[in-house]
Amino acid sequence: MRDGVSASVVSVPQGAPHLLDFLAQRMPGISRSEWAERLAQGLVLHENGQTALPDQACQPGQRLYYYRHLANEPVLPFQVQILFEDAHLLVADKPHFMPVTPSGRYVQQSLLVQLKRRTGLSNLVPLHRIDRETAGLVLLGKRLQDRDAYHALFRDHHIHKLYHAVAPWRADRAVPTVYASRLVPGDPFFRTQEVPGTPNSETRISLLRTSGLRALYQLEPVTGKRHQLRVHMNALDLPIEGDQFYPTVLRGPDAPEDFGQPLQLLAQSVRFTDPITGQAHAFESQRQLAL
């Protein structure tokens, strides 16, 4: 781990050229000149920890380790908050706009890298994901040997998660207490869409309070499909405020951020029994939506 970033790994196939040529050909999204700079800075390593050299011959089956880096990464004007930590688990309260793991334009600004840098825990790993646009609770495991037990909480539905969302309020329209539909990857790739067929997603919905033509809703995802809460609320003609993808794409994934208009969706609370310690946990986000 370097500056909170854990190494990525690539294996060399049969017949690969010299090291610099191989890296430039294998991962063309990074320019040859940038690979040369990373090699010069010692940011590509052999499995034994020795620095790789650009003119070294590649050996089939050889594993190379490199560190993801963005030269002009924008800075997010927010910080993650740690709500709880013991020997096994860390619970973070994520702001809007921050990705959980390095992705797109963010590496150092991602939640995982910030927490690794702050704690020095190279094995820290998210136990689940929430959208970059969504704020709220994220659980992270601290030990490799505990991951399967924590992942089973989500796989076997032994964890209770609640979200809050701000969306329109219509007095003449009854909101269902349960909404289910079939969700599949959409077009463009970053959207999810509903299609006819057997439902594979389900959300429980409660109205918490109203304010004029707006309302605060409690959403409980029974399943965990991508963008499920956003798609289900939009399907009810109640799109979540600040949603840049539903019902209409207002900005692409690489468009400039508008920090003044966050998605009004919050991973508000989580309850579960810790599979390692047996302790009953209940956590609530310290963040609030603007109603």
Protein backbone atom coordinates (compact mmCIF):
# COMPACT_ATOMS: atom_id res chain seq x y z
CA MET A 1 0.00 0.00 0.00
CA ARG A 2 1.28 3.47 -0.93
CA ASP A 3 -0.50 6.61 0.23
CA GLY A 4 -3.64 4.56 0.91
CA VAL A 5 -3.65 2.84 -2.50
CA SER A 6 -3.24 -0.92 -2.58
CA ALA A 7 -1.39 -2.45 -5.50
CA SER A 8 -3.21 -3.84 -8.53
CA VAL A 9 -1.78 -6.93 -10.22
CA VAL A 10 -1.41 -8.10 -13.82
CA SER A 11 -0.07 -11.46 -15.04
CA VAL A 12 2.24 -11.70 -18.05
CA PRO A 13 1.10 -14.10 -20.85
CA GLN A 14 3.25 -16.18 -23.16
CA GLY A 15 5.13 -14.18 -25.82
CA ALA A 16 4.83 -10.77 -24.14
CA PRO A 17 7.37 -8.07 -25.20
CA HIS A 18 9.60 -6.07 -22.90
CA LEU A 19 7.95 -4.77 -19.77
CA LEU A 20 7.15 -1.23 -20.91
CA ASP A 21 5.76 -2.47 -24.23
CA PHE A 22 3.62 -5.08 -22.44
CA LEU A 23 2.09 -2.59 -19.99
CA ALA A 24 1.33 -0.06 -22.74
CA GLN A 25 -0.30 -2.75 -24.91
CA ARG A 26 -2.19 -4.49 -22.08
CA MET A 27 -3.65 -1.30 -20.57
CA PRO A 28 -3.89 1.27 -23.39
CA GLY A 29 -6.06 3.53 -21.26
CA ILE A 30 -2.77 4.64 -19.68
CA SER A 31 -0.37 6.21 -22.17
CA ARG A 32 3.05 4.75 -22.87
CA SER A 33 4.70 7.89 -21.53
CA GLU A 34 2.75 7.61 -18.27
CA TRP A 35 3.78 3.96 -17.87
CA ALA A 36 7.39 5.03 -18.45
CA GLU A 37 7.00 7.68 -15.73
CA ARG A 38 5.47 5.17 -13.29
CA LEU A 39 8.35 2.78 -13.91
CA ALA A 40 10.87 5.57 -13.37
CA GLN A 41 9.17 6.42 -10.07
CA GLY A 42 9.31 2.82 -8.87
CA LEU A 43 5.52 2.41 -9.02
CA VAL A 44 5.67 -0.97 -10.81
CA LEU A 45 7.04 -3.87 -8.78
CA HIS A 46 7.90 -7.52 -9.21
CA GLU A 47 6.33 -10.12 -6.95
CA ASN A 48 9.42 -10.07 -4.70
CA GLY A 49 9.04 -6.32 -4.17
CA GLN A 50 11.89 -5.28 -6.46
CA THR A 51 11.39 -2.31 -8.76
CA ALA A 52 10.58 -3.25 -12.35
CA LEU A 53 12.65 -1.76 -15.17
CA PRO A 54 11.19 -0.71 -18.54
CA ASP A 55 13.64 -2.69 -20.70
CA GLN A 56 13.37 -5.92 -18.73
CA ALA A 57 12.16 -8.96 -20.64
CA CYS A 58 8.78 -10.31 -19.53
CA GLN A 59 8.59 -13.86 -18.21
CA PRO A 60 5.39 -15.88 -18.84
CA GLY A 61 3.35 -16.17 -15.65
CA GLN A 62 5.21 -13.30 -14.04
CA ARG A 63 3.04 -11.06 -11.83
CA LEU A 64 3.54 -7.30 -11.89
CA TYR A 65 2.14 -4.94 -9.26
CA TYR A 66 1.31 -1.31 -9.96
CA TYR A 67 -0.39 1.58 -8.18
CA ARG A 68 -3.31 3.46 -9.64
CA HIS A 69 -2.66 7.18 -9.86
CA LEU A 70 -4.39 10.18 -11.45
CA ALA A 71 -2.20 13.16 -12.29
CA ASN A 72 -4.95 15.80 -12.03
CA GLU A 73 -7.46 14.32 -9.62
CA PRO A 74 -10.10 16.85 -8.48
CA VAL A 75 -10.49 17.41 -4.75
CA LEU A 76 -13.86 16.76 -3.14
CA PRO A 77 -14.88 19.42 -0.58
CA PHE A 78 -16.10 16.72 1.85
CA GLN A 79 -14.60 14.30 4.37
CA VAL A 80 -15.71 10.82 5.39
CA GLN A 81 -16.60 10.32 9.06
CA ILE A 82 -15.82 7.18 11.06
CA LEU A 83 -18.77 6.27 13.32
CA PHE A 84 -17.53 2.99 14.79
CA GLU A 85 -14.43 0.84 14.84
CA ASP A 86 -13.40 -2.36 16.60
CA ALA A 87 -10.89 -5.10 15.80
CA HIS A 88 -13.05 -6.48 12.96
CA LEU A 89 -15.30 -3.75 11.61
CA LEU A 90 -15.28 -0.09 10.62
CA VAL A 91 -18.48 1.89 9.95
CA ALA A 92 -18.12 5.05 7.86
CA ASP A 93 -20.56 7.86 7.11
CA LYS A 94 -19.98 8.78 3.45
CA PRO A 95 -20.76 12.19 1.92
CA HIS A 96 -22.49 12.64 -1.42
CA PHE A 97 -20.33 12.52 -4.58
CA MET A 98 -17.63 10.29 -3.05
CA PRO A 99 -17.11 6.84 -4.63
CA VAL A 100 -16.65 3.94 -2.22
CA THR A 101 -13.69 2.55 -4.20
CA PRO A 102 -11.35 4.18 -6.74
CA SER A 103 -13.24 4.75 -9.98
CA GLY A 104 -13.41 7.25 -12.82
CA ARG A 105 -11.77 10.54 -11.91
CA TYR A 106 -11.28 9.67 -8.22
CA VAL A 107 -8.57 7.60 -6.52
CA GLN A 108 -7.18 9.50 -3.54
CA GLN A 109 -10.61 11.07 -2.97
CA SER A 110 -12.42 7.72 -2.78
CA LEU A 111 -13.74 6.58 0.59
CA LEU A 112 -11.59 3.43 0.69
CA VAL A 113 -8.29 5.18 -0.06
CA GLN A 114 -9.04 7.97 2.40
CA LEU A 115 -9.76 5.44 5.15
CA LYS A 116 -6.72 3.28 4.31
CA ARG A 117 -4.53 6.38 4.45
CA ARG A 118 -6.08 7.48 7.76
CA THR A 119 -5.98 4.08 9.48
CA GLY A 120 -2.99 2.43 7.83
CA LEU A 121 -5.09 -0.73 7.29
CA SER A 122 -4.02 -2.22 3.95
CA ASN A 123 -6.61 -5.06 4.19
CA LEU A 124 -9.58 -2.74 4.70
CA VAL A 125 -12.36 -3.66 2.26
CA PRO A 126 -15.96 -2.48 1.70
CA LEU A 127 -18.49 -5.16 2.64
CA HIS A 128 -21.11 -3.66 0.30
CA ARG A 129 -21.45 -0.71 -2.07
CA ILE A 130 -23.62 2.37 -2.33
CA ASP A 131 -23.74 4.72 -5.32
CA ARG A 132 -21.22 7.53 -5.51
CA GLU A 133 -24.13 9.98 -5.54
CA THR A 134 -25.68 8.50 -2.39
CA ALA A 135 -24.58 9.55 1.11
CA GLY A 136 -24.64 7.52 4.30
CA LEU A 137 -23.45 4.35 5.97
CA VAL A 138 -20.80 2.03 4.55
CA LEU A 139 -19.51 -1.05 6.42
CA LEU A 140 -15.89 -2.11 5.91
CA GLY A 141 -14.11 -5.25 7.09
CA LYS A 142 -10.64 -5.02 8.63
CA ARG A 143 -9.43 -8.65 8.47
CA LEU A 144 -9.24 -11.01 5.50
CA GLN A 145 -10.45 -13.98 7.53
CA ASP A 146 -13.69 -12.18 8.49
CA ARG A 147 -14.90 -11.22 5.02
CA ASP A 148 -16.95 -14.31 4.19
CA ALA A 149 -18.88 -14.07 7.46
CA TYR A 150 -19.75 -10.41 6.87
CA HIS A 151 -20.61 -10.95 3.21
CA ALA A 152 -23.03 -13.68 4.31
CA LEU A 153 -25.01 -11.04 6.24
CA PHE A 154 -25.90 -9.36 2.96
CA ARG A 155 -26.21 -12.52 0.87
CA ASP A 156 -28.57 -14.17 3.34
CA HIS A 157 -30.54 -10.97 4.13
CA HIS A 158 -29.52 -10.95 7.80
CA ILE A 159 -28.93 -7.21 7.78
CA HIS A 160 -31.61 -4.52 7.97
CA LYS A 161 -30.91 -1.36 5.95
CA LEU A 162 -33.08 1.74 5.71
CA TYR A 163 -32.69 4.69 3.35
CA HIS A 164 -34.23 8.16 3.40
CA ALA A 165 -35.15 9.98 0.20
CA VAL A 166 -36.69 13.36 -0.67
CA ALA A 167 -39.11 13.18 -3.61
CA PRO A 168 -42.39 14.77 -4.76
CA TRP A 169 -45.58 14.45 -2.71
CA ARG A 170 -48.93 14.07 -4.43
CA ALA A 171 -51.99 13.98 -2.19
CA ASP A 172 -54.10 12.44 -4.97
CA ARG A 173 -51.80 9.48 -5.44
CA ALA A 174 -51.44 6.51 -3.10
CA VAL A 175 -47.89 5.29 -2.70
CA PRO A 176 -47.63 1.48 -2.53
CA THR A 177 -46.06 0.00 0.58
CA VAL A 178 -44.16 -2.49 -1.60
CA TYR A 179 -42.92 -2.03 -5.16
CA ALA A 180 -41.40 -4.87 -7.19
CA SER A 181 -40.20 -5.07 -10.80
CA ARG A 182 -37.65 -6.68 -13.08
CA LEU A 183 -34.45 -4.63 -13.45
CA VAL A 184 -31.75 -5.12 -16.08
CA PRO A 185 -28.73 -3.09 -17.26
CA GLY A 186 -29.88 -0.20 -19.41
CA ASP A 187 -28.66 2.03 -22.21
CA PRO A 188 -26.52 4.03 -21.68
CA PHE A 189 -24.47 1.61 -19.56
CA PHE A 190 -24.70 3.62 -16.34
CA ARG A 191 -28.49 3.38 -16.15
CA THR A 192 -30.76 0.54 -15.01
CA GLN A 193 -34.14 -0.07 -16.64
CA GLU A 194 -37.36 -1.91 -15.89
CA VAL A 195 -38.53 -4.62 -18.30
CA PRO A 196 -41.52 -6.98 -18.33
CA GLY A 197 -41.05 -10.27 -16.56
CA THR A 198 -40.76 -11.89 -13.18
CA PRO A 199 -39.67 -9.28 -10.60
CA ASN A 200 -36.10 -9.56 -9.36
CA SER A 201 -36.17 -6.43 -7.20
CA GLU A 202 -38.33 -5.29 -4.29
CA THR A 203 -38.51 -2.12 -2.20
CA ARG A 204 -40.67 -1.32 0.82
CA ILE A 205 -41.81 2.30 0.96
CA SER A 206 -43.09 4.45 3.85
CA LEU A 207 -44.04 8.12 3.96
CA LEU A 208 -42.35 9.82 6.91
CA ARG A 209 -43.50 13.44 6.53
CA THR A 210 -44.51 16.03 3.96
CA SER A 211 -43.58 19.65 3.32
CA GLY A 212 -45.68 21.29 0.65
CA LEU A 213 -45.23 19.38 -2.59
CA ARG A 214 -42.20 17.49 -1.24
CA ALA A 215 -41.92 14.55 1.11
CA LEU A 216 -39.43 12.47 3.04
CA TYR A 217 -39.74 8.76 2.31
CA GLN A 218 -38.25 5.74 4.04
CA LEU A 219 -37.06 3.09 1.59
CA GLU A 220 -36.14 -0.45 2.55
CA PRO A 221 -34.46 -2.45 -0.21
CA VAL A 222 -35.38 -6.11 0.12
CA THR A 223 -33.05 -6.85 -2.82
CA GLY A 224 -29.93 -4.97 -3.86
CA LYS A 225 -30.05 -4.25 -7.58
CA ARG A 226 -28.02 -1.39 -9.04
CA HIS A 227 -29.87 1.95 -8.74
CA GLN A 228 -32.88 0.02 -7.43
CA LEU A 229 -34.28 2.74 -5.15
CA ARG A 230 -33.80 5.44 -7.76
CA VAL A 231 -35.47 3.40 -10.51
CA HIS A 232 -38.39 2.31 -8.32
CA MET A 233 -39.17 5.84 -7.14
CA ASN A 234 -38.95 7.13 -10.70
CA ALA A 235 -41.30 4.36 -11.88
CA LEU A 236 -43.84 5.65 -9.35
CA ASP A 237 -43.49 9.11 -10.93
CA LEU A 238 -41.73 10.23 -7.73
CA PRO A 239 -38.13 10.75 -8.89
CA ILE A 240 -35.67 11.44 -6.09
CA GLU A 241 -34.55 15.06 -5.96
CA GLY A 242 -31.17 15.75 -7.49
CA ASP A 243 -31.14 12.55 -9.56
CA GLN A 244 -29.05 13.22 -12.65
CA PHE A 245 -29.90 9.89 -14.34
CA TYR A 246 -33.63 9.32 -13.74
CA PRO A 247 -36.00 10.07 -15.38
CA THR A 248 -33.65 11.91 -17.78
CA VAL A 249 -29.87 11.89 -18.06
CA LEU A 250 -28.87 15.44 -17.13
CA ARG A 251 -25.14 14.78 -16.91
CA GLY A 252 -22.84 11.96 -17.94
CA PRO A 253 -20.47 10.16 -15.55
CA ASP A 254 -17.58 12.43 -16.58
CA ALA A 255 -19.44 15.75 -16.55
CA PRO A 256 -18.41 18.42 -14.00
CA GLU A 257 -19.89 18.02 -10.53
CA ASP A 258 -22.57 20.34 -9.16
CA PHE A 259 -22.00 20.08 -5.42
CA GLY A 260 -24.99 22.34 -4.79
CA GLN A 261 -27.45 19.72 -6.04
CA PRO A 262 -26.71 16.36 -4.38
CA LEU A 263 -28.97 13.37 -4.87
CA GLN A 264 -31.38 13.42 -1.93
CA LEU A 265 -30.81 9.78 -1.02
CA LEU A 266 -29.22 8.71 2.25
CA ALA A 267 -28.25 5.27 3.59
CA GLN A 268 -29.69 6.26 6.95
CA SER A 269 -29.49 3.24 9.26
CA VAL A 270 -28.36 -0.36 9.51
CA ARG A 271 -29.01 -3.10 12.08
CA PHE A 272 -27.42 -6.55 12.36
CA THR A 273 -25.82 -9.03 14.72
CA ASP A 274 -22.06 -9.15 14.24
CA PRO A 275 -21.19 -12.66 13.00
CA ILE A 276 -17.72 -12.47 14.58
CA THR A 277 -18.43 -11.00 18.02
CA GLY A 278 -22.14 -11.82 18.40
CA GLN A 279 -22.79 -8.18 19.33
CA ALA A 280 -26.04 -6.52 18.21
CA HIS A 281 -25.22 -3.39 16.21
CA ALA A 282 -27.43 -0.44 15.22
CA PHE A 283 -25.91 2.54 13.43
CA GLU A 284 -27.44 5.77 12.10
CA SER A 285 -25.98 8.31 9.71
CA GLN A 286 -25.18 11.72 11.16
CA ARG A 287 -26.11 13.32 7.82
CA GLN A 288 -29.52 14.76 6.96
CA LEU A 289 -31.39 15.43 3.74
CA ALA A 290 -32.72 18.88 2.86
CA LEU A 291 -36.52 18.81 3.24
